[in-house]
């Protein structure tokens, strides 16, 4: 007897990184944050859509699947600032322009210190 299995974006080797992927997509605004009732329950279609947004934003081939290029991307060091505001995803027709919203305000004041040091 053959069981009819739905096609999943996660094959057996990729299921191990599901938690890593979910954390990345949630932290950087590609998936809405989970509430206590749903507790991070996601459908394959939600993951596919979030992965496509990530791939489009990063200018890597858009497959909607967790491929090697996407894995390499989520494992690279990066800043903690979200690509999209949490719970406010871009509209589908704005994916192509790849522009981020400005999240700063020009106040007209100039930084007084010109010689910067860091450790």
N, C-alpha and C. Protein backbone atom coordinates (compact mmCIF):
# COMPACT_ATOMS: atom_id res chain seq x y z
N UNK A 1 0.84 -1.17 0.00
CA UNK A 1 0.00 0.00 0.00
C UNK A 1 0.89 1.24 0.00
N UNK A 2 0.62 2.14 -0.92
CA UNK A 2 1.42 3.35 -1.08
C UNK A 2 0.68 4.54 -0.48
N UNK A 3 1.34 5.25 0.39
CA UNK A 3 0.72 6.43 1.01
C UNK A 3 0.97 7.64 0.12
N UNK A 4 -0.04 8.43 -0.04
CA UNK A 4 0.07 9.66 -0.81
C UNK A 4 0.61 10.75 0.11
N UNK A 5 1.85 11.17 -0.14
CA UNK A 5 2.47 12.20 0.69
C UNK A 5 2.45 13.53 -0.04
N UNK A 6 2.12 14.57 0.68
CA UNK A 6 2.17 15.91 0.08
C UNK A 6 3.61 16.28 -0.16
N UNK A 7 3.83 16.98 -1.25
CA UNK A 7 5.17 17.48 -1.53
C UNK A 7 5.52 18.56 -0.52
N UNK A 8 6.67 18.44 0.10
CA UNK A 8 7.09 19.40 1.12
C UNK A 8 8.36 20.10 0.68
N UNK A 9 8.55 21.33 1.11
CA UNK A 9 9.79 22.04 0.80
C UNK A 9 10.94 21.48 1.62
N UNK A 10 10.62 20.68 2.61
CA UNK A 10 11.65 20.13 3.48
C UNK A 10 11.81 18.65 3.20
N UNK A 11 12.97 18.28 2.65
CA UNK A 11 13.24 16.86 2.54
C UNK A 11 13.83 16.41 3.88
N UNK A 12 14.17 15.14 4.00
CA UNK A 12 14.62 14.63 5.30
C UNK A 12 15.84 15.35 5.84
N UNK A 13 16.81 15.68 4.97
CA UNK A 13 18.02 16.34 5.48
C UNK A 13 17.74 17.78 5.91
N UNK A 14 16.75 18.43 5.28
CA UNK A 14 16.45 19.82 5.62
C UNK A 14 15.55 19.95 6.83
N UNK A 15 14.87 18.91 7.22
CA UNK A 15 14.00 18.99 8.40
C UNK A 15 14.80 19.32 9.65
N UNK A 16 16.08 18.96 9.66
CA UNK A 16 16.92 19.24 10.82
C UNK A 16 17.14 20.74 11.02
N UNK A 17 17.04 21.53 9.96
CA UNK A 17 17.28 22.96 10.08
C UNK A 17 15.98 23.77 10.14
N UNK A 18 14.86 23.10 10.33
CA UNK A 18 13.57 23.78 10.38
C UNK A 18 13.53 24.84 11.49
N UNK A 19 14.04 24.51 12.66
CA UNK A 19 14.05 25.48 13.76
C UNK A 19 14.92 26.68 13.45
N UNK A 20 16.07 26.42 12.85
CA UNK A 20 16.99 27.50 12.47
C UNK A 20 16.32 28.43 11.44
N UNK A 21 15.66 27.82 10.46
CA UNK A 21 14.98 28.59 9.43
C UNK A 21 13.83 29.41 10.02
N UNK A 22 13.04 28.79 10.87
CA UNK A 22 11.90 29.49 11.47
C UNK A 22 12.37 30.68 12.30
N UNK A 23 13.43 30.50 13.07
CA UNK A 23 13.97 31.59 13.88
C UNK A 23 14.44 32.74 12.99
N UNK A 24 15.18 32.41 11.93
CA UNK A 24 15.70 33.44 11.03
C UNK A 24 14.55 34.21 10.37
N UNK A 25 13.60 33.47 9.81
CA UNK A 25 12.49 34.12 9.10
C UNK A 25 11.64 34.97 10.04
N UNK A 26 11.48 34.54 11.28
CA UNK A 26 10.70 35.32 12.26
C UNK A 26 11.48 36.55 12.73
N UNK A 27 12.77 36.37 13.02
CA UNK A 27 13.58 37.48 13.54
C UNK A 27 13.76 38.60 12.53
N UNK A 28 13.82 38.27 11.25
CA UNK A 28 14.12 39.28 10.24
C UNK A 28 12.89 39.71 9.44
N UNK A 29 11.68 39.39 9.94
CA UNK A 29 10.46 39.95 9.40
C UNK A 29 9.82 39.22 8.24
N UNK A 30 10.29 38.05 7.90
CA UNK A 30 9.71 37.31 6.77
C UNK A 30 8.49 36.49 7.17
N UNK A 31 8.42 36.09 8.42
CA UNK A 31 7.24 35.41 8.97
C UNK A 31 6.73 36.25 10.13
N UNK A 32 5.41 36.38 10.27
CA UNK A 32 4.91 37.10 11.45
C UNK A 32 5.28 36.36 12.72
N UNK A 33 5.49 37.10 13.76
CA UNK A 33 5.82 36.47 15.04
C UNK A 33 4.66 35.62 15.51
N UNK A 34 4.96 34.51 16.16
CA UNK A 34 3.92 33.60 16.63
C UNK A 34 3.27 34.15 17.89
N UNK A 35 2.00 33.85 18.04
CA UNK A 35 1.36 34.18 19.31
C UNK A 35 1.28 32.90 20.15
N UNK A 36 0.84 33.04 21.37
CA UNK A 36 0.83 31.88 22.27
C UNK A 36 -0.16 30.81 21.83
N UNK A 37 -1.21 31.18 21.11
CA UNK A 37 -2.19 30.19 20.70
C UNK A 37 -1.69 29.31 19.57
N UNK A 38 -1.05 29.91 18.56
CA UNK A 38 -0.61 29.11 17.41
C UNK A 38 0.74 28.44 17.65
N UNK A 39 1.53 29.01 18.52
CA UNK A 39 2.84 28.45 18.88
C UNK A 39 3.68 28.03 17.67
N UNK A 40 3.85 28.91 16.75
CA UNK A 40 4.75 28.70 15.62
C UNK A 40 4.28 27.63 14.65
N UNK A 41 2.98 27.33 14.62
CA UNK A 41 2.50 26.38 13.62
C UNK A 41 2.48 27.09 12.28
N UNK A 42 3.15 26.54 11.31
CA UNK A 42 3.25 27.14 9.99
C UNK A 42 2.96 26.09 8.93
N UNK A 43 2.34 26.52 7.84
CA UNK A 43 2.10 25.61 6.72
C UNK A 43 3.28 25.68 5.77
N UNK A 44 3.38 24.68 4.91
CA UNK A 44 4.43 24.70 3.90
C UNK A 44 4.31 25.94 3.02
N UNK A 45 3.08 26.34 2.72
CA UNK A 45 2.89 27.51 1.85
C UNK A 45 3.38 28.78 2.53
N UNK A 46 3.20 28.92 3.83
CA UNK A 46 3.73 30.09 4.53
C UNK A 46 5.25 30.11 4.47
N UNK A 47 5.87 28.94 4.65
CA UNK A 47 7.33 28.86 4.54
C UNK A 47 7.79 29.16 3.12
N UNK A 48 7.11 28.60 2.12
CA UNK A 48 7.49 28.86 0.72
C UNK A 48 7.44 30.35 0.42
N UNK A 49 6.38 30.99 0.84
CA UNK A 49 6.22 32.41 0.59
C UNK A 49 7.31 33.23 1.29
N UNK A 50 7.60 32.89 2.54
CA UNK A 50 8.64 33.60 3.30
C UNK A 50 10.02 33.36 2.67
N UNK A 51 10.27 32.14 2.23
CA UNK A 51 11.56 31.83 1.60
C UNK A 51 11.69 32.59 0.28
N UNK A 52 10.60 32.67 -0.50
CA UNK A 52 10.64 33.43 -1.75
C UNK A 52 10.93 34.91 -1.48
N UNK A 53 10.31 35.49 -0.43
CA UNK A 53 10.59 36.88 -0.08
C UNK A 53 12.06 37.06 0.30
N UNK A 54 12.59 36.14 1.09
CA UNK A 54 14.00 36.20 1.49
C UNK A 54 14.91 36.11 0.27
N UNK A 55 14.64 35.16 -0.62
CA UNK A 55 15.47 34.97 -1.80
C UNK A 55 15.41 36.19 -2.72
N UNK A 56 14.23 36.77 -2.87
CA UNK A 56 14.09 37.96 -3.69
C UNK A 56 14.86 39.12 -3.07
N UNK A 57 14.72 39.30 -1.77
CA UNK A 57 15.41 40.40 -1.08
C UNK A 57 16.92 40.24 -1.18
N UNK A 58 17.41 39.01 -1.10
CA UNK A 58 18.85 38.75 -1.11
C UNK A 58 19.42 38.61 -2.52
N UNK A 59 18.57 38.70 -3.54
CA UNK A 59 19.00 38.57 -4.94
C UNK A 59 19.68 37.24 -5.22
N UNK A 60 19.12 36.17 -4.66
CA UNK A 60 19.58 34.83 -5.00
C UNK A 60 18.45 34.16 -5.78
N UNK A 61 18.73 33.07 -6.51
CA UNK A 61 17.67 32.44 -7.31
C UNK A 61 16.43 32.12 -6.47
N UNK A 62 15.28 32.55 -6.95
CA UNK A 62 14.02 32.37 -6.23
C UNK A 62 13.44 31.01 -6.58
N UNK A 63 13.52 30.09 -5.61
CA UNK A 63 12.99 28.74 -5.80
C UNK A 63 11.84 28.46 -4.85
N UNK A 64 11.76 29.18 -3.76
CA UNK A 64 10.74 28.91 -2.75
C UNK A 64 11.07 27.67 -1.94
N UNK A 65 12.27 27.15 -2.12
CA UNK A 65 12.69 25.95 -1.39
C UNK A 65 13.95 26.25 -0.59
N UNK A 66 14.18 25.43 0.40
CA UNK A 66 15.36 25.58 1.24
C UNK A 66 16.54 24.91 0.54
N UNK A 67 17.15 25.64 -0.40
CA UNK A 67 18.28 25.09 -1.15
C UNK A 67 19.59 25.53 -0.50
N UNK A 68 20.70 25.13 -1.10
CA UNK A 68 22.00 25.41 -0.51
C UNK A 68 22.30 26.90 -0.45
N UNK A 69 21.92 27.65 -1.48
CA UNK A 69 22.17 29.10 -1.48
C UNK A 69 21.41 29.78 -0.33
N UNK A 70 20.20 29.32 -0.07
CA UNK A 70 19.41 29.90 1.02
C UNK A 70 19.99 29.52 2.37
N UNK A 71 20.42 28.27 2.51
CA UNK A 71 21.06 27.85 3.76
C UNK A 71 22.32 28.66 4.03
N UNK A 72 23.14 28.85 2.99
CA UNK A 72 24.35 29.65 3.15
C UNK A 72 24.01 31.07 3.59
N UNK A 73 22.94 31.61 3.03
CA UNK A 73 22.52 32.96 3.37
C UNK A 73 22.11 33.08 4.84
N UNK A 74 21.28 32.15 5.33
CA UNK A 74 20.80 32.28 6.71
C UNK A 74 21.88 31.96 7.73
N UNK A 75 22.95 31.34 7.29
CA UNK A 75 24.04 31.02 8.22
C UNK A 75 25.14 32.07 8.23
N UNK A 76 25.06 33.05 7.36
CA UNK A 76 26.07 34.11 7.33
C UNK A 76 25.84 35.09 8.48
N UNK A 77 26.91 35.63 9.04
CA UNK A 77 26.74 36.65 10.08
C UNK A 77 26.07 37.89 9.49
N UNK A 78 25.23 38.53 10.27
CA UNK A 78 24.55 39.75 9.82
C UNK A 78 24.12 40.57 11.02
N UNK A 79 23.69 41.79 10.76
CA UNK A 79 23.20 42.65 11.84
C UNK A 79 21.85 42.14 12.32
N UNK A 80 21.38 42.63 13.44
CA UNK A 80 20.13 42.17 14.00
C UNK A 80 18.91 42.93 13.52
N UNK A 81 19.08 43.91 12.64
CA UNK A 81 17.97 44.70 12.16
C UNK A 81 17.14 43.90 11.15
N UNK A 82 15.83 43.89 11.34
CA UNK A 82 14.95 43.13 10.44
C UNK A 82 14.93 43.74 9.05
N UNK A 83 14.80 42.88 8.03
CA UNK A 83 14.67 43.36 6.66
C UNK A 83 13.30 43.99 6.44
N UNK A 84 12.30 43.45 7.12
CA UNK A 84 10.95 43.99 7.08
C UNK A 84 10.49 44.16 8.52
N UNK A 85 9.60 45.12 8.75
CA UNK A 85 9.07 45.30 10.09
C UNK A 85 8.27 44.06 10.48
N UNK A 86 8.45 43.53 11.69
CA UNK A 86 7.70 42.35 12.10
C UNK A 86 6.20 42.58 11.98
N UNK A 87 5.50 41.57 11.54
CA UNK A 87 4.05 41.58 11.33
C UNK A 87 3.59 42.62 10.31
N UNK A 88 4.50 43.11 9.51
CA UNK A 88 4.12 44.03 8.43
C UNK A 88 4.94 43.68 7.20
N UNK A 89 4.49 42.68 6.48
CA UNK A 89 5.21 42.21 5.31
C UNK A 89 4.90 43.09 4.11
N UNK A 90 5.81 43.13 3.14
CA UNK A 90 5.57 43.95 1.95
C UNK A 90 4.44 43.38 1.11
N UNK A 91 3.79 44.25 0.35
CA UNK A 91 2.76 43.78 -0.57
C UNK A 91 3.43 43.01 -1.71
N UNK A 92 2.76 42.00 -2.27
CA UNK A 92 3.37 41.18 -3.33
C UNK A 92 3.90 41.98 -4.51
N UNK A 93 3.24 43.06 -4.90
CA UNK A 93 3.70 43.78 -6.08
C UNK A 93 4.94 44.64 -5.81
N UNK A 94 5.40 44.75 -4.58
CA UNK A 94 6.60 45.53 -4.28
C UNK A 94 7.85 44.67 -4.16
N UNK A 95 7.73 43.36 -4.36
CA UNK A 95 8.91 42.51 -4.22
C UNK A 95 9.98 42.84 -5.25
N UNK A 96 9.57 43.19 -6.44
CA UNK A 96 10.52 43.38 -7.52
C UNK A 96 11.44 44.57 -7.36
N UNK A 97 11.00 45.62 -6.68
CA UNK A 97 11.87 46.80 -6.61
C UNK A 97 12.95 46.68 -5.55
N UNK A 98 12.81 45.75 -4.62
CA UNK A 98 13.84 45.43 -3.62
C UNK A 98 14.29 46.64 -2.81
N UNK A 99 13.44 47.61 -2.61
CA UNK A 99 13.82 48.77 -1.82
C UNK A 99 13.31 48.61 -0.40
N UNK A 100 14.14 48.99 0.54
CA UNK A 100 13.75 48.95 1.94
C UNK A 100 13.19 50.30 2.34
N UNK A 101 12.27 50.27 3.29
CA UNK A 101 11.74 51.52 3.82
C UNK A 101 12.78 52.19 4.69
N UNK A 102 12.82 53.49 4.63
CA UNK A 102 13.77 54.24 5.45
C UNK A 102 13.31 54.17 6.90
N UNK A 103 14.24 53.80 7.80
CA UNK A 103 13.91 53.69 9.21
C UNK A 103 14.76 54.64 10.04
N UNK A 104 14.93 55.83 9.53
CA UNK A 104 15.68 56.84 10.26
C UNK A 104 15.09 58.21 9.91
N UNK A 105 15.48 59.21 10.66
CA UNK A 105 14.98 60.56 10.43
C UNK A 105 16.18 61.49 10.37
N UNK A 106 16.23 62.31 9.34
CA UNK A 106 17.27 63.32 9.25
C UNK A 106 16.85 64.51 10.09
N UNK A 107 17.64 64.85 11.10
CA UNK A 107 17.26 65.92 12.02
C UNK A 107 18.04 67.21 11.78
N UNK A 108 19.00 67.17 10.92
CA UNK A 108 19.76 68.38 10.65
C UNK A 108 20.95 68.59 11.57
N UNK A 109 21.10 67.78 12.59
CA UNK A 109 22.24 67.93 13.49
C UNK A 109 23.42 67.14 12.93
N UNK A 110 24.60 67.68 13.11
CA UNK A 110 25.81 67.05 12.62
C UNK A 110 26.53 66.37 13.78
N UNK A 111 27.10 65.22 13.52
CA UNK A 111 27.88 64.51 14.52
C UNK A 111 29.11 65.33 14.83
N UNK A 112 29.34 65.67 16.10
CA UNK A 112 30.43 66.56 16.48
C UNK A 112 31.80 65.88 16.43
N UNK A 113 31.83 64.60 16.59
CA UNK A 113 33.09 63.88 16.66
C UNK A 113 33.44 63.35 15.27
N UNK A 114 34.65 63.68 14.78
CA UNK A 114 35.04 63.20 13.46
C UNK A 114 36.07 62.08 13.52
N UNK A 115 36.74 61.93 14.65
CA UNK A 115 37.71 60.86 14.82
C UNK A 115 37.07 59.78 15.69
N UNK A 116 36.77 58.65 15.11
CA UNK A 116 36.09 57.58 15.83
C UNK A 116 37.06 56.48 16.20
N UNK A 117 36.88 55.90 17.36
CA UNK A 117 37.67 54.75 17.78
C UNK A 117 36.73 53.61 18.13
N UNK A 118 37.23 52.41 18.01
CA UNK A 118 36.42 51.24 18.36
C UNK A 118 37.33 50.13 18.84
N UNK A 119 36.75 49.17 19.54
CA UNK A 119 37.52 48.03 20.04
C UNK A 119 36.99 46.77 19.43
